[in-house]
């Protein structure tokens, strides 16, 4: 299948019953500024571009939201348990981005999309959700060209310090995406 732009990606995902069901389940929590991020989207696109008929295993389904009123980590665990109760066979992970700046030792995010823009790779700096009318929405702060061109590049946020560049390089090794998707091209950062 040929994917050329954001519209093609949205059309592809809208035809995926499992993904749409996952999105509907996340939406049912009525979280403020929620998105499902990263590998949930990237893996679908890369599987498609590699011609895979079977979905590659998803290590986690990253649900994020932004609530600066209740930043207690216990609330995230409570919400994660709600998702597990609805769909117990899915690897749910939920994080409130209003508190994640502390874990990441940086300045506070202003929204979930701001947090997505600080993800390590442009091809994973993605969010997907259903709006109030169940329209599929895609947040892609760096666009979708790297994603559909199978290019793994660091976001600007991960090239501006040696420490972050090292984190990006460690992720490339740990994730070992090229073992699943052999057509991807990885850009390394010279430290």
N, C-alpha and C. Protein backbone atom coordinates (compact mmCIF):
# COMPACT_ATOMS: atom_id res chain seq x y z
N UNK A 1 0.84 -1.19 0.00
CA UNK A 1 0.00 0.00 0.00
C UNK A 1 0.88 1.25 0.00
N UNK A 2 0.45 2.24 -0.72
CA UNK A 2 1.19 3.49 -0.82
C UNK A 2 0.56 4.52 0.11
N UNK A 3 1.35 5.03 1.03
CA UNK A 3 0.89 6.08 1.94
C UNK A 3 1.65 7.35 1.60
N UNK A 4 0.92 8.42 1.31
CA UNK A 4 1.57 9.64 0.87
C UNK A 4 1.44 10.80 1.84
N UNK A 5 0.39 10.76 2.69
CA UNK A 5 0.15 11.93 3.54
C UNK A 5 -0.69 11.55 4.76
N UNK A 6 -0.99 12.56 5.55
CA UNK A 6 -1.77 12.37 6.78
C UNK A 6 -3.15 11.77 6.48
N UNK A 7 -3.79 12.21 5.41
CA UNK A 7 -5.12 11.70 5.05
C UNK A 7 -5.06 10.20 4.79
N UNK A 8 -4.02 9.73 4.08
CA UNK A 8 -3.86 8.29 3.82
C UNK A 8 -3.70 7.52 5.12
N UNK A 9 -2.95 8.09 6.06
CA UNK A 9 -2.76 7.44 7.36
C UNK A 9 -4.08 7.34 8.11
N UNK A 10 -4.82 8.43 8.14
CA UNK A 10 -6.11 8.42 8.83
C UNK A 10 -7.08 7.43 8.18
N UNK A 11 -7.09 7.36 6.87
CA UNK A 11 -7.95 6.40 6.18
C UNK A 11 -7.56 4.97 6.52
N UNK A 12 -6.27 4.68 6.53
CA UNK A 12 -5.79 3.35 6.86
C UNK A 12 -6.21 2.95 8.28
N UNK A 13 -6.02 3.85 9.23
CA UNK A 13 -6.34 3.54 10.62
C UNK A 13 -7.85 3.42 10.81
N UNK A 14 -8.61 4.25 10.13
CA UNK A 14 -10.07 4.19 10.28
C UNK A 14 -10.64 2.85 9.81
N UNK A 15 -9.91 2.16 8.95
CA UNK A 15 -10.35 0.84 8.46
C UNK A 15 -9.86 -0.31 9.35
N UNK A 16 -9.09 0.01 10.38
CA UNK A 16 -8.56 -1.00 11.28
C UNK A 16 -9.48 -1.11 12.50
N UNK A 17 -10.28 -2.16 12.53
CA UNK A 17 -11.29 -2.33 13.57
C UNK A 17 -10.68 -2.37 14.97
N UNK A 18 -9.56 -3.08 15.12
CA UNK A 18 -8.91 -3.19 16.42
C UNK A 18 -8.45 -1.81 16.92
N UNK A 19 -7.80 -1.04 16.04
CA UNK A 19 -7.32 0.28 16.45
C UNK A 19 -8.48 1.21 16.81
N UNK A 20 -9.53 1.17 16.04
CA UNK A 20 -10.68 2.02 16.32
C UNK A 20 -11.35 1.64 17.64
N UNK A 21 -11.36 0.34 17.95
CA UNK A 21 -11.91 -0.13 19.22
C UNK A 21 -11.04 0.35 20.38
N UNK A 22 -9.73 0.29 20.22
CA UNK A 22 -8.80 0.77 21.25
C UNK A 22 -9.03 2.27 21.48
N UNK A 23 -9.15 3.03 20.41
CA UNK A 23 -9.39 4.46 20.52
C UNK A 23 -10.72 4.75 21.23
N UNK A 24 -11.76 4.01 20.90
CA UNK A 24 -13.06 4.20 21.55
C UNK A 24 -12.98 3.88 23.04
N UNK A 25 -12.21 2.86 23.38
CA UNK A 25 -12.05 2.50 24.79
C UNK A 25 -11.34 3.62 25.54
N UNK A 26 -10.27 4.15 24.98
CA UNK A 26 -9.55 5.26 25.62
C UNK A 26 -10.46 6.48 25.75
N UNK A 27 -11.23 6.76 24.70
CA UNK A 27 -12.13 7.91 24.74
C UNK A 27 -13.18 7.78 25.84
N UNK A 28 -13.57 6.55 26.16
CA UNK A 28 -14.61 6.32 27.15
C UNK A 28 -14.22 6.82 28.55
N UNK A 29 -12.94 7.06 28.79
CA UNK A 29 -12.51 7.59 30.09
C UNK A 29 -12.75 9.09 30.22
N UNK A 30 -13.03 9.76 29.10
CA UNK A 30 -13.30 11.21 29.09
C UNK A 30 -12.16 12.00 29.72
N UNK A 31 -10.95 11.67 29.36
CA UNK A 31 -9.77 12.36 29.89
C UNK A 31 -9.55 13.69 29.18
N UNK A 32 -9.03 14.67 29.89
CA UNK A 32 -8.72 15.94 29.22
C UNK A 32 -7.49 15.80 28.33
N UNK A 33 -7.57 16.33 27.13
CA UNK A 33 -6.44 16.39 26.19
C UNK A 33 -5.76 15.02 26.05
N UNK A 34 -6.55 13.99 25.76
CA UNK A 34 -6.01 12.63 25.68
C UNK A 34 -5.59 12.28 24.26
N UNK A 35 -4.61 11.38 24.16
CA UNK A 35 -4.13 10.86 22.89
C UNK A 35 -3.57 9.47 23.12
N UNK A 36 -3.60 8.63 22.10
CA UNK A 36 -2.82 7.39 22.10
C UNK A 36 -1.62 7.67 21.20
N UNK A 37 -0.44 7.33 21.69
CA UNK A 37 0.78 7.81 21.05
C UNK A 37 1.69 6.72 20.52
N UNK A 38 2.68 7.22 19.82
CA UNK A 38 3.93 6.53 19.48
C UNK A 38 3.73 5.23 18.71
N UNK A 39 4.18 4.12 19.29
CA UNK A 39 4.24 2.84 18.59
C UNK A 39 2.91 2.33 18.10
N UNK A 40 1.84 2.67 18.78
CA UNK A 40 0.49 2.27 18.36
C UNK A 40 0.24 2.70 16.91
N UNK A 41 0.71 3.89 16.57
CA UNK A 41 0.51 4.43 15.23
C UNK A 41 1.66 4.01 14.31
N UNK A 42 2.88 4.24 14.79
CA UNK A 42 4.07 3.95 13.98
C UNK A 42 4.09 2.50 13.50
N UNK A 43 3.79 1.57 14.40
CA UNK A 43 3.84 0.15 14.04
C UNK A 43 2.84 -0.19 12.93
N UNK A 44 1.66 0.39 13.00
CA UNK A 44 0.65 0.16 11.96
C UNK A 44 1.16 0.63 10.60
N UNK A 45 1.76 1.81 10.59
CA UNK A 45 2.25 2.36 9.34
C UNK A 45 3.42 1.54 8.81
N UNK A 46 4.37 1.23 9.66
CA UNK A 46 5.53 0.46 9.22
C UNK A 46 5.13 -0.96 8.82
N UNK A 47 4.20 -1.58 9.53
CA UNK A 47 3.71 -2.90 9.12
C UNK A 47 3.12 -2.83 7.72
N UNK A 48 2.32 -1.82 7.48
CA UNK A 48 1.67 -1.64 6.18
C UNK A 48 2.72 -1.43 5.08
N UNK A 49 3.67 -0.56 5.34
CA UNK A 49 4.70 -0.25 4.34
C UNK A 49 5.65 -1.43 4.08
N UNK A 50 5.70 -2.36 5.03
CA UNK A 50 6.51 -3.56 4.84
C UNK A 50 5.69 -4.71 4.25
N UNK A 51 4.40 -4.48 4.03
CA UNK A 51 3.55 -5.49 3.42
C UNK A 51 3.16 -6.62 4.36
N UNK A 52 3.26 -6.38 5.68
CA UNK A 52 2.91 -7.43 6.64
C UNK A 52 1.40 -7.63 6.69
N UNK A 53 1.00 -8.87 6.65
CA UNK A 53 -0.43 -9.19 6.77
C UNK A 53 -0.84 -9.29 8.24
N UNK A 54 0.10 -9.65 9.10
CA UNK A 54 -0.17 -9.77 10.54
C UNK A 54 0.44 -8.58 11.26
N UNK A 55 -0.24 -8.10 12.25
CA UNK A 55 0.22 -6.98 13.08
C UNK A 55 1.44 -7.42 13.90
N UNK A 56 2.48 -6.60 13.95
CA UNK A 56 3.59 -6.92 14.84
C UNK A 56 3.12 -6.70 16.28
N UNK A 57 3.65 -7.46 17.23
CA UNK A 57 3.20 -7.30 18.63
C UNK A 57 3.42 -5.87 19.13
N UNK A 58 2.45 -5.39 19.88
CA UNK A 58 2.52 -4.05 20.46
C UNK A 58 2.93 -4.17 21.92
N UNK A 59 4.13 -3.68 22.27
CA UNK A 59 4.57 -3.84 23.66
C UNK A 59 3.71 -3.05 24.66
N UNK A 60 3.17 -1.92 24.22
CA UNK A 60 2.26 -1.16 25.08
C UNK A 60 1.41 -0.22 24.25
N UNK A 61 0.28 0.13 24.82
CA UNK A 61 -0.60 1.12 24.21
C UNK A 61 -0.51 2.34 25.11
N UNK A 62 0.24 3.34 24.62
CA UNK A 62 0.52 4.54 25.41
C UNK A 62 -0.61 5.55 25.30
N UNK A 63 -1.38 5.68 26.38
CA UNK A 63 -2.43 6.68 26.46
C UNK A 63 -1.88 7.82 27.31
N UNK A 64 -1.93 9.02 26.77
CA UNK A 64 -1.51 10.19 27.54
C UNK A 64 -2.69 11.14 27.67
N UNK A 65 -2.61 11.98 28.69
CA UNK A 65 -3.61 13.04 28.86
C UNK A 65 -2.94 14.18 29.61
N UNK A 66 -3.63 15.31 29.72
CA UNK A 66 -3.05 16.47 30.39
C UNK A 66 -4.06 17.02 31.38
N UNK A 67 -3.76 16.80 32.67
CA UNK A 67 -4.62 17.28 33.75
C UNK A 67 -3.72 17.86 34.83
N UNK A 68 -3.58 19.19 34.86
CA UNK A 68 -2.70 19.78 35.86
C UNK A 68 -3.37 20.00 37.20
N UNK A 69 -4.61 19.55 37.35
CA UNK A 69 -5.31 19.63 38.63
C UNK A 69 -4.96 18.42 39.50
N UNK A 70 -5.03 17.22 38.93
CA UNK A 70 -4.73 16.00 39.68
C UNK A 70 -3.51 15.34 39.06
N UNK A 71 -2.34 15.60 39.63
CA UNK A 71 -1.10 15.04 39.07
C UNK A 71 -0.57 13.86 39.89
N UNK A 72 -1.44 13.27 40.69
CA UNK A 72 -1.04 12.12 41.50
C UNK A 72 -0.85 10.89 40.60
N UNK A 73 0.29 10.25 40.70
CA UNK A 73 0.57 9.07 39.89
C UNK A 73 -0.43 7.95 40.17
N UNK A 74 -0.96 7.91 41.38
CA UNK A 74 -1.96 6.90 41.73
C UNK A 74 -3.21 7.03 40.86
N UNK A 75 -3.53 8.25 40.45
CA UNK A 75 -4.68 8.46 39.55
C UNK A 75 -4.43 7.79 38.20
N UNK A 76 -3.20 7.88 37.70
CA UNK A 76 -2.86 7.21 36.45
C UNK A 76 -3.07 5.71 36.57
N UNK A 77 -2.65 5.15 37.70
CA UNK A 77 -2.79 3.70 37.92
C UNK A 77 -4.27 3.32 38.01
N UNK A 78 -5.07 4.17 38.64
CA UNK A 78 -6.51 3.92 38.73
C UNK A 78 -7.15 3.92 37.34
N UNK A 79 -6.77 4.90 36.53
CA UNK A 79 -7.30 5.00 35.17
C UNK A 79 -6.82 3.82 34.31
N UNK A 80 -5.57 3.45 34.47
CA UNK A 80 -5.02 2.31 33.74
C UNK A 80 -5.80 1.04 34.09
N UNK A 81 -6.15 0.88 35.36
CA UNK A 81 -6.93 -0.29 35.77
C UNK A 81 -8.32 -0.28 35.14
N UNK A 82 -8.90 0.90 34.98
CA UNK A 82 -10.20 0.98 34.30
C UNK A 82 -10.09 0.45 32.87
N UNK A 83 -9.01 0.84 32.17
CA UNK A 83 -8.80 0.35 30.80
C UNK A 83 -8.59 -1.17 30.80
N UNK A 84 -7.83 -1.65 31.75
CA UNK A 84 -7.59 -3.10 31.86
C UNK A 84 -8.89 -3.84 32.12
N UNK A 85 -9.77 -3.26 32.95
CA UNK A 85 -11.06 -3.89 33.22
C UNK A 85 -11.93 -3.97 31.98
N UNK A 86 -11.82 -2.97 31.10
CA UNK A 86 -12.61 -2.96 29.87
C UNK A 86 -12.02 -3.92 28.84
N UNK A 87 -10.70 -3.85 28.67
CA UNK A 87 -10.00 -4.70 27.70
C UNK A 87 -8.76 -5.30 28.37
N UNK A 88 -8.96 -6.41 29.07
CA UNK A 88 -7.87 -6.97 29.87
C UNK A 88 -6.71 -7.57 29.09
N UNK A 89 -6.88 -7.83 27.83
CA UNK A 89 -5.81 -8.46 27.05
C UNK A 89 -4.91 -7.46 26.32
N UNK A 90 -5.07 -6.19 26.62
CA UNK A 90 -4.27 -5.15 25.95
C UNK A 90 -3.23 -4.60 26.93
N UNK A 91 -2.05 -4.25 26.42
CA UNK A 91 -0.96 -3.73 27.27
C UNK A 91 -1.06 -2.22 27.52
N UNK A 92 -2.06 -1.82 28.29
CA UNK A 92 -2.32 -0.41 28.53
C UNK A 92 -1.22 0.25 29.37
N UNK A 93 -0.90 1.48 29.04
CA UNK A 93 -0.01 2.32 29.83
C UNK A 93 -0.60 3.73 29.77
N UNK A 94 -0.76 4.36 30.91
CA UNK A 94 -1.37 5.69 30.91
C UNK A 94 -0.52 6.66 31.73
N UNK A 95 -0.31 7.85 31.17
CA UNK A 95 0.51 8.87 31.83
C UNK A 95 -0.14 10.24 31.69
N UNK A 96 -0.10 10.98 32.79
CA UNK A 96 -0.55 12.37 32.79
C UNK A 96 0.65 13.24 32.46
N UNK A 97 0.65 13.84 31.29
CA UNK A 97 1.78 14.65 30.85
C UNK A 97 1.96 15.92 31.68
N UNK A 98 0.97 16.27 32.49
CA UNK A 98 1.11 17.45 33.36
C UNK A 98 2.12 17.19 34.48
N UNK A 99 2.49 15.93 34.71
CA UNK A 99 3.50 15.63 35.72
C UNK A 99 4.77 15.02 35.15
N UNK A 100 4.77 14.63 33.88
CA UNK A 100 5.90 13.90 33.32
C UNK A 100 7.16 14.75 33.16
N UNK A 101 7.03 16.06 33.15
CA UNK A 101 8.23 16.90 33.07
C UNK A 101 9.13 16.66 34.28
N UNK A 102 8.54 16.31 35.42
CA UNK A 102 9.33 16.02 36.62
C UNK A 102 10.15 14.75 36.40
N UNK A 103 9.48 13.71 35.89
CA UNK A 103 10.17 12.44 35.60
C UNK A 103 11.26 12.63 34.55
N UNK A 104 11.03 13.54 33.59
CA UNK A 104 11.99 13.76 32.51
C UNK A 104 13.00 14.88 32.81
N UNK A 105 12.84 15.51 33.99
CA UNK A 105 13.76 16.55 34.46
C UNK A 105 13.88 17.72 33.46
N UNK A 106 12.72 18.21 33.01
CA UNK A 106 12.69 19.36 32.11
C UNK A 106 11.59 20.32 32.56
N UNK A 107 11.44 21.41 31.85
CA UNK A 107 10.39 22.38 32.18
C UNK A 107 9.01 21.80 31.86
N UNK A 108 7.96 22.30 32.52
CA UNK A 108 6.61 21.72 32.34
C UNK A 108 6.12 21.82 30.89
N UNK A 109 5.37 20.80 30.50
CA UNK A 109 4.70 20.81 29.19
C UNK A 109 3.46 21.69 29.30
N UNK A 110 3.04 22.25 28.19
CA UNK A 110 1.84 23.08 28.19
C UNK A 110 0.59 22.30 27.78
N UNK A 111 0.79 21.13 27.17
CA UNK A 111 -0.32 20.31 26.69
C UNK A 111 0.21 18.93 26.33
N UNK A 112 -0.68 18.04 25.97
CA UNK A 112 -0.25 16.71 25.52
C UNK A 112 0.52 16.80 24.21
N UNK A 113 0.08 17.65 23.30
CA UNK A 113 0.79 17.78 22.02
C UNK A 113 2.18 18.37 22.23
N UNK A 114 2.32 19.28 23.20
CA UNK A 114 3.64 19.79 23.54
C UNK A 114 4.52 18.64 24.03
N UNK A 115 3.97 17.77 24.85
CA UNK A 115 4.72 16.60 25.32
C UNK A 115 5.11 15.69 24.16
N UNK A 116 4.19 15.45 23.24
CA UNK A 116 4.47 14.62 22.06
C UNK A 116 5.63 15.22 21.27
N UNK A 117 5.69 16.53 21.18
CA UNK A 117 6.77 17.18 20.44
C UNK A 117 8.13 16.97 21.08
N UNK A 118 8.14 16.50 22.33
CA UNK A 118 9.40 16.25 23.05
C UNK A 118 9.75 14.76 23.06
N UNK A 119 9.03 13.94 22.29
CA UNK A 119 9.38 12.52 22.18
C UNK A 119 10.71 12.41 21.43
N UNK A 120 11.44 11.31 21.59
CA UNK A 120 12.78 11.20 21.00
C UNK A 120 12.85 11.17 19.48
N UNK A 121 11.95 10.46 18.81
CA UNK A 121 12.06 10.28 17.35
C UNK A 121 10.88 10.93 16.64
N UNK A 122 11.16 11.53 15.48
CA UNK A 122 10.08 12.16 14.71
C UNK A 122 9.04 11.13 14.29
N UNK A 123 9.45 9.91 14.00
CA UNK A 123 8.51 8.88 13.53
C UNK A 123 7.64 8.32 14.66
N UNK A 124 7.97 8.65 15.92
CA UNK A 124 7.13 8.22 17.02
C UNK A 124 6.47 9.40 17.73
N UNK A 125 6.80 10.61 17.32
CA UNK A 125 6.20 11.81 17.91
C UNK A 125 4.83 12.01 17.27
N UNK A 126 3.92 11.13 17.65
CA UNK A 126 2.59 11.06 17.04
C UNK A 126 1.53 10.83 18.10
N UNK A 127 0.36 11.35 17.87
CA UNK A 127 -0.78 11.08 18.74
C UNK A 127 -2.02 10.89 17.88
N UNK A 128 -2.91 10.06 18.39
CA UNK A 128 -4.14 9.73 17.67
C UNK A 128 -5.28 9.74 18.67
N UNK A 129 -6.43 10.29 18.29
CA UNK A 129 -7.60 10.24 19.17
C UNK A 129 -8.87 10.43 18.36
N UNK A 130 -9.98 10.21 19.03
CA UNK A 130 -11.30 10.49 18.46
C UNK A 130 -11.80 11.77 19.11
N UNK A 131 -12.28 12.70 18.29
CA UNK A 131 -12.83 13.92 18.87
C UNK A 131 -14.25 13.67 19.39
N UNK A 132 -14.92 14.71 19.83
CA UNK A 132 -16.25 14.54 20.44
C UNK A 132 -17.28 13.99 19.46
N UNK A 133 -16.99 14.08 18.15
CA UNK A 133 -17.91 13.54 17.13
C UNK A 133 -17.40 12.22 16.56
N UNK A 134 -16.40 11.64 17.20
CA UNK A 134 -15.76 10.39 16.78
C UNK A 134 -14.98 10.51 15.47
N UNK A 135 -14.57 11.73 15.13
CA UNK A 135 -13.66 11.92 14.01
C UNK A 135 -12.25 11.58 14.46
N UNK A 136 -11.52 10.89 13.62
CA UNK A 136 -10.15 10.52 13.92
C UNK A 136 -9.24 11.73 13.74
N UNK A 137 -8.41 11.99 14.75
CA UNK A 137 -7.50 13.13 14.71
C UNK A 137 -6.07 12.64 14.90
N UNK A 138 -5.15 13.23 14.17
CA UNK A 138 -3.74 12.89 14.27
C UNK A 138 -2.94 14.13 14.65
N UNK A 139 -2.13 14.00 15.70
CA UNK A 139 -1.19 15.05 16.07
C UNK A 139 0.19 14.57 15.62
N UNK A 140 0.82 15.35 14.78
CA UNK A 140 2.15 15.00 14.26
C UNK A 140 2.98 16.28 14.21
N UNK A 141 3.56 16.68 15.35
CA UNK A 141 4.29 17.94 15.40
C UNK A 141 5.41 18.06 14.36
N UNK A 142 5.95 16.94 13.90
CA UNK A 142 7.02 16.97 12.90
C UNK A 142 6.54 16.49 11.53
N UNK A 143 5.24 16.41 11.37
CA UNK A 143 4.67 15.92 10.12
C UNK A 143 4.77 14.40 10.04
N UNK A 144 4.43 13.86 8.88
CA UNK A 144 4.41 12.40 8.71
C UNK A 144 5.41 11.92 7.67
N UNK A 145 6.19 12.81 7.09
CA UNK A 145 7.13 12.40 6.04
C UNK A 145 8.14 11.36 6.53
N UNK A 146 8.76 11.59 7.68
CA UNK A 146 9.74 10.62 8.18
C UNK A 146 9.07 9.27 8.43
N UNK A 147 7.88 9.30 8.98
CA UNK A 147 7.13 8.07 9.25
C UNK A 147 6.88 7.27 7.97
N UNK A 148 6.35 7.92 6.95
CA UNK A 148 6.00 7.19 5.73
C UNK A 148 7.21 6.92 4.84
N UNK A 149 8.30 7.62 5.10
CA UNK A 149 9.54 7.35 4.37
C UNK A 149 10.44 6.37 5.13
N UNK A 150 9.91 5.82 6.23
CA UNK A 150 10.62 4.82 7.04
C UNK A 150 11.95 5.34 7.57
N UNK A 151 11.95 6.61 7.98
CA UNK A 151 13.17 7.24 8.48
C UNK A 151 13.04 7.52 9.97
N UNK A 152 14.02 7.05 10.73
CA UNK A 152 14.07 7.30 12.17
C UNK A 152 15.10 8.40 12.40
N UNK A 153 14.59 9.55 12.85
CA UNK A 153 15.44 10.71 13.10
C UNK A 153 15.12 11.26 14.47
N UNK A 154 16.11 11.88 15.11
CA UNK A 154 15.82 12.50 16.41
C UNK A 154 15.01 13.77 16.25
N UNK A 155 14.15 14.04 17.22
CA UNK A 155 13.48 15.34 17.24
C UNK A 155 14.52 16.37 17.67
N UNK A 156 14.26 17.62 17.38
CA UNK A 156 15.18 18.68 17.76
C UNK A 156 15.47 18.70 19.25
N UNK A 157 14.49 18.30 20.03
CA UNK A 157 14.65 18.29 21.48
C UNK A 157 15.74 17.31 21.91
N UNK A 158 15.98 16.27 21.11
CA UNK A 158 16.98 15.27 21.48
C UNK A 158 18.32 15.48 20.80
N UNK A 159 18.46 16.57 20.08
CA UNK A 159 19.77 16.86 19.48
C UNK A 159 20.44 18.06 20.16
N UNK A 160 19.75 18.68 21.12
CA UNK A 160 20.30 19.92 21.68
C UNK A 160 21.16 19.73 22.93
N UNK A 161 21.28 18.51 23.45
CA UNK A 161 22.23 18.25 24.54
C UNK A 161 22.84 16.86 24.34
N UNK A 162 24.04 16.68 24.84
CA UNK A 162 24.72 15.38 24.74
C UNK A 162 23.93 14.30 25.49
N UNK A 163 23.36 14.68 26.63
CA UNK A 163 22.61 13.71 27.44
C UNK A 163 21.40 13.18 26.68
N UNK A 164 20.64 14.10 26.07
CA UNK A 164 19.46 13.66 25.31
C UNK A 164 19.86 12.88 24.06
N UNK A 165 20.93 13.30 23.41
CA UNK A 165 21.42 12.57 22.24
C UNK A 165 21.79 11.14 22.64
N UNK A 166 22.39 10.98 23.81
CA UNK A 166 22.75 9.64 24.29
C UNK A 166 21.51 8.82 24.56
N UNK A 167 20.46 9.44 25.10
CA UNK A 167 19.19 8.74 25.34
C UNK A 167 18.60 8.26 24.02
N UNK A 168 18.62 9.12 23.01
CA UNK A 168 18.12 8.74 21.68
C UNK A 168 18.90 7.53 21.15
N UNK A 169 20.22 7.58 21.21
CA UNK A 169 21.04 6.48 20.70
C UNK A 169 20.81 5.19 21.47
N UNK A 170 20.63 5.29 22.79
CA UNK A 170 20.33 4.10 23.60
C UNK A 170 18.99 3.50 23.20
N UNK A 171 18.01 4.35 22.92
CA UNK A 171 16.70 3.85 22.49
C UNK A 171 16.79 3.11 21.16
N UNK A 172 17.59 3.63 20.25
CA UNK A 172 17.74 3.00 18.93
C UNK A 172 18.25 1.56 19.12
N UNK A 173 19.23 1.41 19.98
CA UNK A 173 19.79 0.08 20.24
C UNK A 173 18.76 -0.81 20.95
N UNK A 174 18.15 -0.28 22.00
CA UNK A 174 17.20 -1.06 22.81
C UNK A 174 15.96 -1.47 22.00
N UNK A 175 15.41 -0.55 21.26
CA UNK A 175 14.19 -0.84 20.48
C UNK A 175 14.46 -1.80 19.33
N UNK A 176 15.64 -1.69 18.73
CA UNK A 176 16.05 -2.59 17.64
C UNK A 176 14.96 -2.75 16.58
N UNK A 177 14.38 -1.63 16.17
CA UNK A 177 13.27 -1.65 15.21
C UNK A 177 13.64 -2.31 13.90
N UNK A 178 14.88 -2.18 13.48
CA UNK A 178 15.27 -2.75 12.18
C UNK A 178 15.18 -4.28 12.16
N UNK A 179 15.12 -4.92 13.33
CA UNK A 179 14.93 -6.37 13.34
C UNK A 179 13.49 -6.75 12.96
N UNK A 180 12.55 -5.85 13.18
CA UNK A 180 11.14 -6.08 12.79
C UNK A 180 10.84 -5.48 11.42
N UNK A 181 11.41 -4.30 11.18
CA UNK A 181 11.12 -3.55 9.96
C UNK A 181 12.45 -3.26 9.27
N UNK A 182 12.86 -4.13 8.36
CA UNK A 182 14.20 -4.04 7.79
C UNK A 182 14.38 -2.93 6.75
N UNK A 183 13.30 -2.26 6.38
CA UNK A 183 13.43 -1.18 5.40
C UNK A 183 13.68 0.19 6.04
N UNK A 184 13.60 0.28 7.37
CA UNK A 184 13.78 1.58 7.99
C UNK A 184 15.24 2.04 7.89
N UNK A 185 15.38 3.36 7.88
CA UNK A 185 16.71 3.97 7.84
C UNK A 185 16.85 4.80 9.12
N UNK A 186 17.91 4.52 9.88
CA UNK A 186 18.11 5.20 11.16
C UNK A 186 19.19 6.26 11.03
N UNK A 187 18.86 7.46 11.48
CA UNK A 187 19.84 8.54 11.53
C UNK A 187 20.43 8.57 12.94
N UNK A 188 21.74 8.48 13.01
CA UNK A 188 22.41 8.54 14.31
C UNK A 188 22.90 9.94 14.60
N UNK A 189 23.11 10.21 15.87
CA UNK A 189 23.63 11.49 16.30
C UNK A 189 25.09 11.28 16.68
N UNK A 190 25.96 12.08 16.13
CA UNK A 190 27.37 12.01 16.49
C UNK A 190 27.55 12.70 17.82
N UNK A 191 27.99 11.95 18.81
CA UNK A 191 28.17 12.52 20.16
C UNK A 191 29.55 13.11 20.34
